Protein backbone atom coordinates (compact mmCIF):
# COMPACT_ATOMS: atom_id res chain seq x y z
CA MET A 1 -9.79 3.52 -37.75
CA GLY A 2 -10.98 5.53 -40.74
CA GLU A 3 -10.68 2.54 -43.05
CA ALA A 4 -12.78 0.29 -40.81
CA GLY A 5 -15.55 2.89 -40.72
CA GLY A 6 -15.42 3.13 -44.50
CA MET A 7 -15.72 -0.63 -44.80
CA GLU A 8 -18.77 -0.72 -42.52
CA GLU A 9 -20.38 2.06 -44.54
CA PHE A 10 -19.64 0.17 -47.76
CA ARG A 11 -21.08 -3.06 -46.31
CA ASP A 12 -24.24 -1.28 -45.16
CA ARG A 13 -24.70 0.37 -48.55
CA ILE A 14 -24.28 -2.93 -50.42
CA SER A 15 -26.59 -4.86 -48.08
CA ASN A 16 -29.28 -2.19 -48.40
CA THR A 17 -28.94 -2.24 -52.19
CA LEU A 18 -29.11 -6.04 -52.51
CA ARG A 19 -31.77 -6.62 -49.87
CA ILE A 20 -34.97 -8.18 -51.20
CA GLU A 21 -37.77 -7.71 -48.70
CA ASP A 22 -40.81 -6.97 -50.82
CA ASN A 23 -41.05 -10.12 -52.91
CA LYS A 24 -41.05 -13.34 -50.88
CA LEU A 25 -41.15 -15.52 -54.00
CA ILE A 26 -37.92 -14.04 -55.34
CA ARG A 27 -36.23 -14.52 -51.95
CA GLU A 28 -37.28 -18.18 -51.82
CA LEU A 29 -36.23 -18.83 -55.42
CA LEU A 30 -32.81 -17.26 -54.85
CA ALA A 31 -32.32 -19.25 -51.64
CA GLU A 32 -33.23 -22.50 -53.39
CA CYS A 33 -30.91 -21.69 -56.31
CA ILE A 34 -28.00 -20.92 -53.99
CA GLY A 35 -28.61 -24.09 -51.96
CA THR A 36 -28.89 -26.24 -55.08
CA PHE A 37 -25.78 -24.64 -56.57
CA PHE A 38 -23.77 -25.43 -53.45
CA LEU A 39 -25.05 -29.02 -53.35
CA LEU A 40 -24.26 -29.60 -57.02
CA LEU A 41 -20.87 -27.97 -56.61
CA SER A 42 -19.77 -30.06 -53.64
CA GLY A 43 -21.38 -33.41 -54.48
CA PRO A 44 -19.87 -34.15 -57.90
CA ALA A 45 -16.55 -32.75 -56.68
CA ALA A 46 -16.61 -35.38 -53.94
CA ASN A 47 -17.37 -38.10 -56.49
CA ILE A 48 -14.49 -36.97 -58.69
CA GLN A 49 -12.13 -36.84 -55.72
CA ALA A 50 -13.12 -40.36 -54.65
CA ALA A 51 -12.66 -41.71 -58.18
CA VAL A 52 -9.35 -40.01 -58.94
CA ALA A 53 -7.57 -40.08 -55.59
CA VAL A 54 -5.34 -42.96 -54.68
CA GLY A 55 -7.13 -44.96 -52.02
CA GLY A 56 -10.36 -42.99 -52.45
CA ASN A 57 -13.52 -44.86 -51.60
CA SER A 58 -17.24 -44.31 -51.80
CA THR A 59 -17.57 -43.72 -48.05
CA SER A 60 -15.71 -40.41 -48.29
CA ALA A 61 -17.93 -39.39 -51.21
CA HIS A 62 -21.07 -40.25 -49.25
CA ILE A 63 -19.90 -38.27 -46.24
CA ALA A 64 -19.06 -35.29 -48.47
CA TRP A 65 -22.52 -35.48 -50.11
CA GLY A 66 -24.08 -35.46 -46.64
CA ILE A 67 -22.04 -32.47 -45.52
CA GLY A 68 -22.84 -30.67 -48.78
CA PHE A 69 -26.54 -31.37 -48.29
CA MET A 70 -26.34 -30.12 -44.71
CA PHE A 71 -24.76 -26.84 -45.80
CA ALA A 72 -27.22 -26.43 -48.69
CA VAL A 73 -30.14 -26.81 -46.29
CA TYR A 74 -28.45 -24.42 -43.86
CA LEU A 75 -28.07 -21.82 -46.62
CA ALA A 76 -31.71 -21.96 -47.72
CA ALA A 77 -33.53 -22.82 -44.50
CA SER A 78 -33.76 -19.32 -43.08
CA VAL A 79 -35.66 -18.07 -46.13
CA SER A 80 -37.92 -20.88 -47.24
């Protein structure tokens, strides 16, 4: 019980420290950077997997790009 309370206190302290409420531009830029990072992390990885894997095809890469795009938009949509 004591450890869970300590974890909640730690989480609250970190979220209050890292919270950016005053500058909307910085929030939007960070959201776009995180979304773009995720898209560029998942997309080329899907291309490499399709090229290297035995029986890999472009359909699986296209589906993975679409899912990566969906998650990137989901990450950044609440801010921008």
